[in-house]
Amino acid sequence: MSIAKIIEVNASSSVGFEDAIKKGIAKVSETVDNVQGAWVKEQKVVVKDGAIVEYRVNMSITFVVA
């Protein structure tokens, strides 16, 4: 039997959504072992002067603890 835990993470990028997801997972993986997957729950953009300047994601990351 495995026990998993889920944490909620917000990440951002000036490049795109995919980059924000990769950055968020990479940062969590620095301190958390056994990351198994991520569910992107929400995507947002920040707009200034009619242009997108930041991409943001809210995601749940799952990791096995036992």
N, C-alpha and C. Protein backbone atom coordinates (compact mmCIF):
# COMPACT_ATOMS: atom_id res chain seq x y z
N MET A 1 0.84 -1.18 0.00
CA MET A 1 0.00 0.00 0.00
C MET A 1 0.89 1.25 0.00
N SER A 2 0.51 2.22 -0.79
CA SER A 2 1.24 3.49 -0.84
C SER A 2 0.39 4.61 -0.23
N ILE A 3 1.07 5.56 0.35
CA ILE A 3 0.43 6.75 0.89
C ILE A 3 0.96 7.93 0.09
N ALA A 4 0.07 8.73 -0.44
CA ALA A 4 0.46 9.90 -1.23
C ALA A 4 -0.04 11.17 -0.57
N LYS A 5 0.67 12.24 -0.82
CA LYS A 5 0.28 13.54 -0.31
C LYS A 5 0.18 14.50 -1.49
N ILE A 6 -0.68 15.49 -1.37
CA ILE A 6 -0.87 16.48 -2.43
C ILE A 6 -0.60 17.87 -1.85
N ILE A 7 0.20 18.65 -2.57
CA ILE A 7 0.43 20.03 -2.18
C ILE A 7 -0.01 20.94 -3.33
N GLU A 8 -0.44 22.13 -2.97
CA GLU A 8 -0.88 23.09 -3.99
C GLU A 8 0.24 24.10 -4.22
N VAL A 9 0.52 24.37 -5.49
CA VAL A 9 1.64 25.22 -5.87
C VAL A 9 1.18 26.25 -6.90
N ASN A 10 1.67 27.47 -6.75
CA ASN A 10 1.47 28.51 -7.75
C ASN A 10 2.84 28.80 -8.36
N ALA A 11 2.90 28.87 -9.68
CA ALA A 11 4.16 29.15 -10.37
C ALA A 11 3.89 30.12 -11.52
N SER A 12 4.94 30.85 -11.92
CA SER A 12 4.76 31.81 -13.00
C SER A 12 5.97 31.82 -13.93
N SER A 13 5.76 32.37 -15.12
CA SER A 13 6.81 32.46 -16.13
C SER A 13 6.46 33.61 -17.08
N SER A 14 7.49 34.22 -17.62
CA SER A 14 7.27 35.24 -18.65
C SER A 14 7.27 34.61 -20.04
N VAL A 15 7.55 33.30 -20.12
CA VAL A 15 7.66 32.60 -21.40
C VAL A 15 6.35 31.94 -21.83
N GLY A 16 5.72 31.19 -20.90
CA GLY A 16 4.48 30.50 -21.25
C GLY A 16 4.01 29.57 -20.14
N PHE A 17 2.83 29.00 -20.34
CA PHE A 17 2.25 28.10 -19.34
C PHE A 17 3.11 26.86 -19.11
N GLU A 18 3.60 26.27 -20.18
CA GLU A 18 4.41 25.06 -20.05
C GLU A 18 5.67 25.35 -19.22
N ASP A 19 6.28 26.49 -19.44
CA ASP A 19 7.47 26.87 -18.68
C ASP A 19 7.13 27.07 -17.20
N ALA A 20 5.98 27.67 -16.92
CA ALA A 20 5.55 27.86 -15.53
C ALA A 20 5.34 26.51 -14.84
N ILE A 21 4.74 25.55 -15.55
CA ILE A 21 4.53 24.21 -14.99
C ILE A 21 5.87 23.55 -14.70
N LYS A 22 6.80 23.61 -15.65
CA LYS A 22 8.12 23.00 -15.46
C LYS A 22 8.86 23.63 -14.30
N LYS A 23 8.79 24.94 -14.17
CA LYS A 23 9.47 25.63 -13.07
C LYS A 23 8.87 25.23 -11.72
N GLY A 24 7.55 25.14 -11.65
CA GLY A 24 6.90 24.76 -10.40
C GLY A 24 7.27 23.36 -9.96
N ILE A 25 7.25 22.41 -10.90
CA ILE A 25 7.60 21.02 -10.58
C ILE A 25 9.07 20.92 -10.20
N ALA A 26 9.93 21.61 -10.92
CA ALA A 26 11.37 21.58 -10.62
C ALA A 26 11.65 22.13 -9.22
N LYS A 27 10.98 23.21 -8.86
CA LYS A 27 11.21 23.81 -7.54
C LYS A 27 10.75 22.88 -6.42
N VAL A 28 9.59 22.28 -6.58
CA VAL A 28 9.09 21.33 -5.57
C VAL A 28 10.03 20.14 -5.47
N SER A 29 10.52 19.66 -6.60
CA SER A 29 11.40 18.48 -6.62
C SER A 29 12.74 18.73 -5.92
N GLU A 30 13.10 19.98 -5.70
CA GLU A 30 14.34 20.29 -4.96
C GLU A 30 14.25 19.84 -3.51
N THR A 31 13.04 19.85 -2.93
CA THR A 31 12.89 19.53 -1.51
C THR A 31 11.96 18.36 -1.23
N VAL A 32 11.25 17.89 -2.23
CA VAL A 32 10.29 16.79 -2.06
C VAL A 32 10.70 15.62 -2.95
N ASP A 33 10.79 14.43 -2.36
CA ASP A 33 11.11 13.23 -3.12
C ASP A 33 9.84 12.55 -3.64
N ASN A 34 10.00 11.70 -4.63
CA ASN A 34 8.94 10.83 -5.14
C ASN A 34 7.75 11.58 -5.74
N VAL A 35 8.01 12.71 -6.43
CA VAL A 35 6.94 13.42 -7.12
C VAL A 35 6.40 12.50 -8.22
N GLN A 36 5.09 12.31 -8.24
CA GLN A 36 4.47 11.36 -9.16
C GLN A 36 3.67 12.02 -10.28
N GLY A 37 3.15 13.20 -10.03
CA GLY A 37 2.33 13.83 -11.06
C GLY A 37 1.83 15.20 -10.63
N ALA A 38 1.21 15.90 -11.57
CA ALA A 38 0.67 17.22 -11.30
C ALA A 38 -0.65 17.41 -12.05
N TRP A 39 -1.55 18.11 -11.42
CA TRP A 39 -2.83 18.45 -12.04
C TRP A 39 -2.90 19.98 -12.11
N VAL A 40 -2.90 20.51 -13.33
CA VAL A 40 -3.00 21.95 -13.52
C VAL A 40 -4.47 22.33 -13.35
N LYS A 41 -4.75 23.05 -12.27
CA LYS A 41 -6.13 23.39 -11.93
C LYS A 41 -6.58 24.70 -12.56
N GLU A 42 -5.64 25.62 -12.74
CA GLU A 42 -6.03 26.95 -13.21
C GLU A 42 -4.86 27.59 -13.96
N GLN A 43 -5.19 28.33 -14.99
CA GLN A 43 -4.20 29.10 -15.74
C GLN A 43 -4.68 30.55 -15.82
N LYS A 44 -3.74 31.48 -15.63
CA LYS A 44 -4.07 32.90 -15.69
C LYS A 44 -2.95 33.62 -16.43
N VAL A 45 -3.25 34.79 -16.95
CA VAL A 45 -2.22 35.64 -17.54
C VAL A 45 -2.31 37.03 -16.92
N VAL A 46 -1.17 37.71 -16.90
CA VAL A 46 -1.12 39.11 -16.49
C VAL A 46 -0.90 39.93 -17.77
N VAL A 47 -1.74 40.92 -17.97
CA VAL A 47 -1.69 41.73 -19.19
C VAL A 47 -1.34 43.17 -18.83
N LYS A 48 -0.37 43.72 -19.56
CA LYS A 48 -0.02 45.14 -19.42
C LYS A 48 0.06 45.75 -20.80
N ASP A 49 -0.61 46.86 -20.99
CA ASP A 49 -0.62 47.58 -22.26
C ASP A 49 -1.03 46.69 -23.42
N GLY A 50 -2.00 45.80 -23.17
CA GLY A 50 -2.54 44.94 -24.22
C GLY A 50 -1.70 43.73 -24.56
N ALA A 51 -0.63 43.48 -23.81
CA ALA A 51 0.25 42.33 -24.09
C ALA A 51 0.38 41.46 -22.84
N ILE A 52 0.52 40.17 -23.06
CA ILE A 52 0.72 39.24 -21.94
C ILE A 52 2.15 39.38 -21.45
N VAL A 53 2.30 39.63 -20.15
CA VAL A 53 3.64 39.78 -19.58
C VAL A 53 4.00 38.66 -18.60
N GLU A 54 2.99 37.89 -18.17
CA GLU A 54 3.27 36.79 -17.24
C GLU A 54 2.20 35.72 -17.36
N TYR A 55 2.65 34.48 -17.31
CA TYR A 55 1.76 33.31 -17.33
C TYR A 55 1.81 32.68 -15.95
N ARG A 56 0.63 32.39 -15.38
CA ARG A 56 0.58 31.81 -14.03
C ARG A 56 -0.24 30.53 -14.04
N VAL A 57 0.21 29.57 -13.25
CA VAL A 57 -0.54 28.32 -13.10
C VAL A 57 -0.72 28.01 -11.62
N ASN A 58 -1.83 27.39 -11.33
CA ASN A 58 -2.11 26.85 -10.00
C ASN A 58 -2.25 25.35 -10.21
N MET A 59 -1.46 24.56 -9.49
CA MET A 59 -1.51 23.11 -9.70
C MET A 59 -1.37 22.36 -8.39
N SER A 60 -1.87 21.14 -8.41
CA SER A 60 -1.71 20.21 -7.30
C SER A 60 -0.64 19.20 -7.70
N ILE A 61 0.35 19.04 -6.83
CA ILE A 61 1.44 18.10 -7.11
C ILE A 61 1.34 16.95 -6.12
N THR A 62 1.39 15.73 -6.65
CA THR A 62 1.26 14.52 -5.84
C THR A 62 2.62 13.85 -5.66
N PHE A 63 2.90 13.42 -4.42
CA PHE A 63 4.12 12.68 -4.16
C PHE A 63 3.84 11.56 -3.15
N VAL A 64 4.60 10.47 -3.27
CA VAL A 64 4.42 9.31 -2.41
C VAL A 64 5.27 9.48 -1.16
N VAL A 65 4.66 9.27 0.01
CA VAL A 65 5.38 9.41 1.27
C VAL A 65 5.68 8.06 1.93
N ALA A 66 4.94 7.03 1.58
CA ALA A 66 5.20 5.69 2.17
C ALA A 66 4.75 4.60 1.22
